[in-house]
Amino acid sequence: QLQLVESGGGLVQTGGSLRLSCATSKFAFDHYHIGWFRQAPGKGREGVSCISELDGNTHYADSVKGRFTISRDSAQNTVWLQMNSLKIEDTAIYYCGAEDLRITTAESMCVRVSADYWGRGTQVTVDS
């Protein structure tokens, strides 16, 4: 069973910043694309940003382009999501997901909101 552990969520004011982290194993880092997804109250889960294990290519949802940055640290087996200029509509539970890189691309993973494994999530609340 592949484990994904999110951290870094919290309460922040509009315009503020947070950095989320998704810690996993070296095996996961070598064999899976990793992505960030979110689910707001009463809404479905959506892909926020995903990063390719093969070439580092990234994909962002239109709603976060220019504000969020995804990155990975192979030494720590961690994927980061830097979130700047946060808005109230960014309030959600943020989940880390991993999908087998042999069967998909990072962009497809985000667009389809698909993952083989999910973390438990971390709450992000943006308050005015």
N, C-alpha and C. Protein backbone atom coordinates (compact mmCIF):
# COMPACT_ATOMS: atom_id res chain seq x y z
N GLN A 1 0.84 -1.19 0.00
CA GLN A 1 0.00 0.00 0.00
C GLN A 1 0.88 1.25 0.00
N LEU A 2 0.66 2.10 -0.98
CA LEU A 2 1.46 3.31 -1.11
C LEU A 2 0.87 4.39 -0.20
N GLN A 3 1.71 5.06 0.58
CA GLN A 3 1.23 6.08 1.52
C GLN A 3 1.58 7.48 1.04
N LEU A 4 0.61 8.36 1.20
CA LEU A 4 0.77 9.78 0.90
C LEU A 4 0.32 10.55 2.13
N VAL A 5 1.16 11.43 2.63
CA VAL A 5 0.84 12.16 3.85
C VAL A 5 0.93 13.66 3.58
N GLU A 6 -0.22 14.32 3.67
CA GLU A 6 -0.27 15.76 3.45
C GLU A 6 -0.08 16.52 4.75
N SER A 7 0.48 17.71 4.63
CA SER A 7 0.59 18.62 5.77
C SER A 7 0.71 20.04 5.26
N GLY A 8 0.53 21.00 6.18
CA GLY A 8 0.72 22.40 5.82
C GLY A 8 -0.54 23.21 5.70
N GLY A 9 -1.69 22.57 5.83
CA GLY A 9 -2.94 23.32 5.75
C GLY A 9 -3.14 24.19 6.97
N GLY A 10 -4.17 25.03 6.91
CA GLY A 10 -4.46 25.90 8.03
C GLY A 10 -5.40 27.01 7.66
N LEU A 11 -5.49 27.98 8.53
CA LEU A 11 -6.35 29.15 8.33
C LEU A 11 -5.49 30.33 7.92
N VAL A 12 -5.88 31.00 6.86
CA VAL A 12 -5.11 32.13 6.37
C VAL A 12 -6.08 33.19 5.85
N GLN A 13 -5.65 34.42 5.90
CA GLN A 13 -6.49 35.51 5.39
C GLN A 13 -6.37 35.63 3.87
N THR A 14 -7.37 36.24 3.29
CA THR A 14 -7.35 36.49 1.85
C THR A 14 -6.07 37.21 1.46
N GLY A 15 -5.43 36.72 0.40
CA GLY A 15 -4.18 37.29 -0.06
C GLY A 15 -2.95 36.66 0.54
N GLY A 16 -3.15 35.81 1.53
CA GLY A 16 -2.03 35.17 2.19
C GLY A 16 -1.49 33.98 1.42
N SER A 17 -0.54 33.29 2.06
CA SER A 17 0.13 32.15 1.43
C SER A 17 0.19 30.95 2.36
N LEU A 18 0.23 29.79 1.76
CA LEU A 18 0.46 28.55 2.47
C LEU A 18 1.29 27.65 1.57
N ARG A 19 2.04 26.75 2.20
CA ARG A 19 2.76 25.75 1.43
C ARG A 19 2.37 24.36 1.94
N LEU A 20 1.80 23.58 1.05
CA LEU A 20 1.41 22.22 1.39
C LEU A 20 2.51 21.26 0.99
N SER A 21 2.64 20.19 1.75
CA SER A 21 3.60 19.16 1.39
C SER A 21 2.92 17.81 1.34
N CYS A 22 3.40 16.97 0.44
CA CYS A 22 2.93 15.60 0.29
C CYS A 22 4.15 14.70 0.38
N ALA A 23 4.25 14.00 1.48
CA ALA A 23 5.40 13.12 1.69
C ALA A 23 5.03 11.71 1.30
N THR A 24 5.94 11.06 0.58
CA THR A 24 5.68 9.68 0.17
C THR A 24 6.99 8.91 0.17
N SER A 25 6.97 7.74 -0.45
CA SER A 25 8.15 6.88 -0.45
C SER A 25 8.95 7.08 -1.74
N LYS A 26 10.18 6.58 -1.73
CA LYS A 26 11.01 6.65 -2.93
C LYS A 26 10.38 5.84 -4.05
N PHE A 27 9.79 4.72 -3.71
CA PHE A 27 9.13 3.89 -4.72
C PHE A 27 8.04 4.69 -5.43
N ALA A 28 7.25 5.40 -4.64
CA ALA A 28 6.18 6.20 -5.24
C ALA A 28 6.75 7.29 -6.14
N PHE A 29 7.81 7.91 -5.65
CA PHE A 29 8.43 8.99 -6.41
C PHE A 29 8.95 8.50 -7.75
N ASP A 30 9.42 7.28 -7.80
CA ASP A 30 10.02 6.74 -9.01
C ASP A 30 9.00 6.18 -9.99
N HIS A 31 7.79 5.87 -9.52
CA HIS A 31 6.85 5.13 -10.36
C HIS A 31 5.50 5.81 -10.55
N TYR A 32 5.28 6.92 -9.91
CA TYR A 32 3.96 7.55 -9.97
C TYR A 32 4.07 9.06 -10.24
N HIS A 33 3.11 9.55 -11.02
CA HIS A 33 2.89 11.00 -11.07
C HIS A 33 2.19 11.38 -9.76
N ILE A 34 2.48 12.56 -9.28
CA ILE A 34 1.87 13.05 -8.04
C ILE A 34 1.08 14.32 -8.34
N GLY A 35 -0.06 14.43 -7.72
CA GLY A 35 -0.87 15.62 -7.96
C GLY A 35 -1.58 16.10 -6.71
N TRP A 36 -2.03 17.35 -6.79
CA TRP A 36 -2.83 17.94 -5.73
C TRP A 36 -4.25 18.15 -6.24
N PHE A 37 -5.19 17.79 -5.42
CA PHE A 37 -6.60 17.90 -5.73
C PHE A 37 -7.29 18.57 -4.54
N ARG A 38 -8.47 19.09 -4.77
CA ARG A 38 -9.19 19.70 -3.66
C ARG A 38 -10.69 19.45 -3.79
N GLN A 39 -11.34 19.50 -2.63
CA GLN A 39 -12.79 19.35 -2.59
C GLN A 39 -13.36 20.35 -1.62
N ALA A 40 -14.15 21.26 -2.16
CA ALA A 40 -14.81 22.28 -1.34
C ALA A 40 -16.15 21.72 -0.85
N PRO A 41 -16.68 22.29 0.22
CA PRO A 41 -17.96 21.80 0.76
C PRO A 41 -19.06 21.82 -0.30
N GLY A 42 -19.72 20.70 -0.47
CA GLY A 42 -20.83 20.63 -1.41
C GLY A 42 -20.44 20.52 -2.87
N LYS A 43 -19.14 20.37 -3.14
CA LYS A 43 -18.67 20.29 -4.52
C LYS A 43 -17.87 19.02 -4.75
N GLY A 44 -17.67 18.71 -6.02
CA GLY A 44 -16.88 17.54 -6.35
C GLY A 44 -15.40 17.81 -6.25
N ARG A 45 -14.62 16.75 -6.30
CA ARG A 45 -13.17 16.91 -6.23
C ARG A 45 -12.65 17.42 -7.57
N GLU A 46 -11.68 18.31 -7.53
CA GLU A 46 -11.10 18.83 -8.76
C GLU A 46 -9.58 18.75 -8.71
N GLY A 47 -8.98 18.63 -9.89
CA GLY A 47 -7.54 18.63 -9.97
C GLY A 47 -7.00 20.04 -9.88
N VAL A 48 -6.05 20.26 -9.03
CA VAL A 48 -5.45 21.59 -8.83
C VAL A 48 -4.14 21.70 -9.61
N SER A 49 -3.25 20.77 -9.35
CA SER A 49 -1.97 20.80 -10.03
C SER A 49 -1.32 19.42 -9.94
N CYS A 50 -0.70 19.02 -11.03
CA CYS A 50 -0.04 17.71 -11.08
C CYS A 50 1.34 17.85 -11.71
N ILE A 51 2.24 16.98 -11.32
CA ILE A 51 3.61 17.05 -11.83
C ILE A 51 4.05 15.67 -12.30
N SER A 52 4.70 15.67 -13.45
CA SER A 52 5.15 14.42 -14.05
C SER A 52 6.44 13.92 -13.41
N GLU A 53 6.46 12.65 -13.08
CA GLU A 53 7.68 12.04 -12.57
C GLU A 53 8.70 11.86 -13.69
N LEU A 54 8.25 11.74 -14.93
CA LEU A 54 9.14 11.45 -16.05
C LEU A 54 9.97 12.66 -16.46
N ASP A 55 9.33 13.84 -16.57
CA ASP A 55 10.05 14.99 -17.09
C ASP A 55 9.81 16.28 -16.32
N GLY A 56 9.06 16.18 -15.24
CA GLY A 56 8.82 17.37 -14.42
C GLY A 56 7.80 18.33 -14.99
N ASN A 57 7.17 17.96 -16.11
CA ASN A 57 6.12 18.83 -16.65
C ASN A 57 5.00 19.01 -15.63
N THR A 58 4.43 20.19 -15.64
CA THR A 58 3.39 20.50 -14.67
C THR A 58 2.08 20.88 -15.36
N HIS A 59 1.01 20.69 -14.65
CA HIS A 59 -0.32 21.08 -15.12
C HIS A 59 -1.02 21.82 -13.98
N TYR A 60 -1.71 22.89 -14.35
CA TYR A 60 -2.45 23.67 -13.37
C TYR A 60 -3.88 23.88 -13.83
N ALA A 61 -4.79 23.86 -12.88
CA ALA A 61 -6.15 24.27 -13.17
C ALA A 61 -6.14 25.76 -13.49
N ASP A 62 -7.03 26.19 -14.36
CA ASP A 62 -7.08 27.60 -14.74
C ASP A 62 -7.27 28.51 -13.52
N SER A 63 -8.02 28.04 -12.56
CA SER A 63 -8.35 28.86 -11.40
C SER A 63 -7.14 29.17 -10.51
N VAL A 64 -6.05 28.42 -10.67
CA VAL A 64 -4.89 28.63 -9.80
C VAL A 64 -3.64 29.07 -10.55
N LYS A 65 -3.72 29.12 -11.86
CA LYS A 65 -2.55 29.51 -12.66
C LYS A 65 -2.05 30.88 -12.25
N GLY A 66 -0.75 30.99 -12.10
CA GLY A 66 -0.14 32.25 -11.69
C GLY A 66 -0.13 32.48 -10.19
N ARG A 67 -0.84 31.65 -9.45
CA ARG A 67 -0.88 31.81 -7.99
C ARG A 67 -0.26 30.61 -7.26
N PHE A 68 -0.43 29.42 -7.81
CA PHE A 68 0.07 28.19 -7.19
C PHE A 68 1.26 27.66 -7.98
N THR A 69 2.19 27.05 -7.26
CA THR A 69 3.34 26.43 -7.90
C THR A 69 3.58 25.06 -7.29
N ILE A 70 3.65 24.05 -8.16
CA ILE A 70 3.93 22.69 -7.70
C ILE A 70 5.41 22.40 -7.95
N SER A 71 6.02 21.68 -7.04
CA SER A 71 7.41 21.31 -7.22
C SER A 71 7.67 19.99 -6.49
N ARG A 72 8.78 19.36 -6.80
CA ARG A 72 9.08 18.08 -6.16
C ARG A 72 10.53 18.07 -5.69
N ASP A 73 10.75 17.36 -4.63
CA ASP A 73 12.09 17.22 -4.05
C ASP A 73 12.37 15.72 -3.95
N SER A 74 13.20 15.22 -4.85
CA SER A 74 13.46 13.79 -4.87
C SER A 74 14.29 13.34 -3.67
N ALA A 75 15.05 14.25 -3.10
CA ALA A 75 15.85 13.88 -1.93
C ALA A 75 14.96 13.60 -0.72
N GLN A 76 13.84 14.33 -0.66
CA GLN A 76 12.92 14.15 0.47
C GLN A 76 11.68 13.36 0.09
N ASN A 77 11.59 12.96 -1.19
CA ASN A 77 10.39 12.25 -1.66
C ASN A 77 9.13 13.03 -1.31
N THR A 78 9.18 14.30 -1.60
CA THR A 78 8.09 15.21 -1.23
C THR A 78 7.69 16.07 -2.41
N VAL A 79 6.40 16.29 -2.55
CA VAL A 79 5.87 17.22 -3.54
C VAL A 79 5.25 18.39 -2.79
N TRP A 80 5.61 19.59 -3.21
CA TRP A 80 5.15 20.80 -2.54
C TRP A 80 4.10 21.51 -3.41
N LEU A 81 3.21 22.21 -2.74
CA LEU A 81 2.29 23.10 -3.44
C LEU A 81 2.35 24.45 -2.75
N GLN A 82 3.01 25.40 -3.39
CA GLN A 82 3.08 26.75 -2.86
C GLN A 82 1.85 27.51 -3.34
N MET A 83 1.08 28.03 -2.40
CA MET A 83 -0.16 28.72 -2.74
C MET A 83 -0.06 30.18 -2.29
N ASN A 84 -0.08 31.07 -3.25
CA ASN A 84 0.00 32.50 -2.97
C ASN A 84 -1.30 33.19 -3.38
N SER A 85 -1.48 34.40 -2.91
CA SER A 85 -2.65 35.20 -3.26
C SER A 85 -3.93 34.40 -3.07
N LEU A 86 -4.05 33.79 -1.93
CA LEU A 86 -5.18 32.90 -1.69
C LEU A 86 -6.50 33.67 -1.66
N LYS A 87 -7.53 33.00 -2.17
CA LYS A 87 -8.87 33.57 -2.24
C LYS A 87 -9.81 32.71 -1.40
N ILE A 88 -10.94 33.29 -1.05
CA ILE A 88 -11.93 32.56 -0.26
C ILE A 88 -12.33 31.27 -0.98
N GLU A 89 -12.43 31.34 -2.30
CA GLU A 89 -12.85 30.16 -3.07
C GLU A 89 -11.80 29.06 -3.12
N ASP A 90 -10.62 29.30 -2.58
CA ASP A 90 -9.62 28.25 -2.46
C ASP A 90 -9.85 27.37 -1.23
N THR A 91 -10.79 27.77 -0.40
CA THR A 91 -11.11 26.98 0.79
C THR A 91 -11.58 25.59 0.39
N ALA A 92 -10.92 24.58 0.92
CA ALA A 92 -11.24 23.19 0.57
C ALA A 92 -10.35 22.25 1.37
N ILE A 93 -10.67 20.98 1.28
CA ILE A 93 -9.72 19.96 1.73
C ILE A 93 -8.83 19.63 0.54
N TYR A 94 -7.54 19.68 0.76
CA TYR A 94 -6.57 19.42 -0.30
C TYR A 94 -6.00 18.02 -0.13
N TYR A 95 -6.07 17.26 -1.20
CA TYR A 95 -5.62 15.88 -1.19
C TYR A 95 -4.43 15.70 -2.14
N CYS A 96 -3.55 14.84 -1.73
CA CYS A 96 -2.45 14.41 -2.59
C CYS A 96 -2.84 13.08 -3.22
N GLY A 97 -2.55 12.93 -4.50
CA GLY A 97 -2.87 11.69 -5.19
C GLY A 97 -1.69 11.21 -6.02
N ALA A 98 -1.64 9.91 -6.26
CA ALA A 98 -0.57 9.32 -7.06
C ALA A 98 -1.16 8.35 -8.07
N GLU A 99 -0.67 8.45 -9.30
CA GLU A 99 -1.15 7.53 -10.34
C GLU A 99 0.03 6.97 -11.12
N ASP A 100 -0.10 5.71 -11.48
CA ASP A 100 0.95 4.98 -12.17
C ASP A 100 1.36 5.70 -13.45
N LEU A 101 2.64 6.06 -13.57
CA LEU A 101 3.08 6.84 -14.72
C LEU A 101 3.07 6.04 -16.01
N ARG A 102 2.92 4.71 -15.93
CA ARG A 102 2.90 3.89 -17.14
C ARG A 102 1.57 4.02 -17.89
N ILE A 103 0.53 4.48 -17.21
CA ILE A 103 -0.80 4.45 -17.81
C ILE A 103 -1.40 5.82 -18.03
N THR A 104 -0.68 6.88 -17.65
CA THR A 104 -1.28 8.20 -17.76
C THR A 104 -0.21 9.27 -17.84
N THR A 105 -0.64 10.49 -18.08
CA THR A 105 0.23 11.66 -17.98
C THR A 105 -0.22 12.47 -16.77
N ALA A 106 0.64 13.35 -16.35
CA ALA A 106 0.28 14.19 -15.21
C ALA A 106 -0.93 15.06 -15.55
N GLU A 107 -0.96 15.59 -16.76
CA GLU A 107 -2.09 16.43 -17.15
C GLU A 107 -3.39 15.63 -17.15
N SER A 108 -3.35 14.44 -17.70
CA SER A 108 -4.56 13.62 -17.73
C SER A 108 -5.03 13.28 -16.33
N MET A 109 -4.08 13.00 -15.48
CA MET A 109 -4.41 12.69 -14.08
C MET A 109 -5.19 13.83 -13.44
N CYS A 110 -4.74 15.05 -13.68
CA CYS A 110 -5.40 16.22 -13.10
C CYS A 110 -6.78 16.44 -13.72
N VAL A 111 -6.84 16.36 -15.04
CA VAL A 111 -8.09 16.64 -15.75
C VAL A 111 -9.16 15.60 -15.40
N ARG A 112 -8.76 14.34 -15.33
CA ARG A 112 -9.70 13.26 -15.01
C ARG A 112 -9.96 13.13 -13.52
N VAL A 113 -9.19 13.84 -12.70
CA VAL A 113 -9.30 13.72 -11.25
C VAL A 113 -9.17 12.25 -10.87
N SER A 114 -8.06 11.69 -11.27
CA SER A 114 -7.86 10.26 -11.12
C SER A 114 -6.56 9.97 -10.38
N ALA A 115 -6.61 9.02 -9.47
CA ALA A 115 -5.40 8.59 -8.76
C ALA A 115 -5.59 7.16 -8.28
N ASP A 116 -4.49 6.45 -8.24
CA ASP A 116 -4.52 5.10 -7.71
C ASP A 116 -4.51 5.11 -6.18
N TYR A 117 -3.89 6.13 -5.64
CA TYR A 117 -3.78 6.26 -4.18
C TYR A 117 -4.06 7.69 -3.78
N TRP A 118 -4.65 7.84 -2.60
CA TRP A 118 -4.99 9.16 -2.06
C TRP A 118 -4.48 9.31 -0.65
N GLY A 119 -4.10 10.53 -0.29
CA GLY A 119 -3.82 10.84 1.10
C GLY A 119 -5.12 11.15 1.81
N ARG A 120 -5.00 11.47 3.08
CA ARG A 120 -6.20 11.74 3.89
C ARG A 120 -6.66 13.19 3.78
N GLY A 121 -5.81 14.05 3.27
CA GLY A 121 -6.19 15.43 3.06
C GLY A 121 -5.76 16.37 4.17
N THR A 122 -5.67 17.64 3.81
CA THR A 122 -5.37 18.69 4.77
C THR A 122 -6.29 19.88 4.49
N GLN A 123 -6.85 20.44 5.54
CA GLN A 123 -7.84 21.52 5.38
C GLN A 123 -7.15 22.86 5.15
N VAL A 124 -7.61 23.56 4.14
CA VAL A 124 -7.18 24.94 3.89
C VAL A 124 -8.42 25.82 3.97
N THR A 125 -8.35 26.80 4.84
CA THR A 125 -9.46 27.74 5.01
C THR A 125 -8.95 29.15 4.80
N VAL A 126 -9.56 29.85 3.86
CA VAL A 126 -9.20 31.23 3.56
C VAL A 126 -10.33 32.11 4.04
N ASP A 127 -10.00 33.04 4.92
CA ASP A 127 -10.99 33.88 5.56
C ASP A 127 -10.73 35.34 5.21
N SER A 128 -11.80 36.09 5.06
CA SER A 128 -11.64 37.51 4.80
C SER A 128 -11.39 38.28 6.09
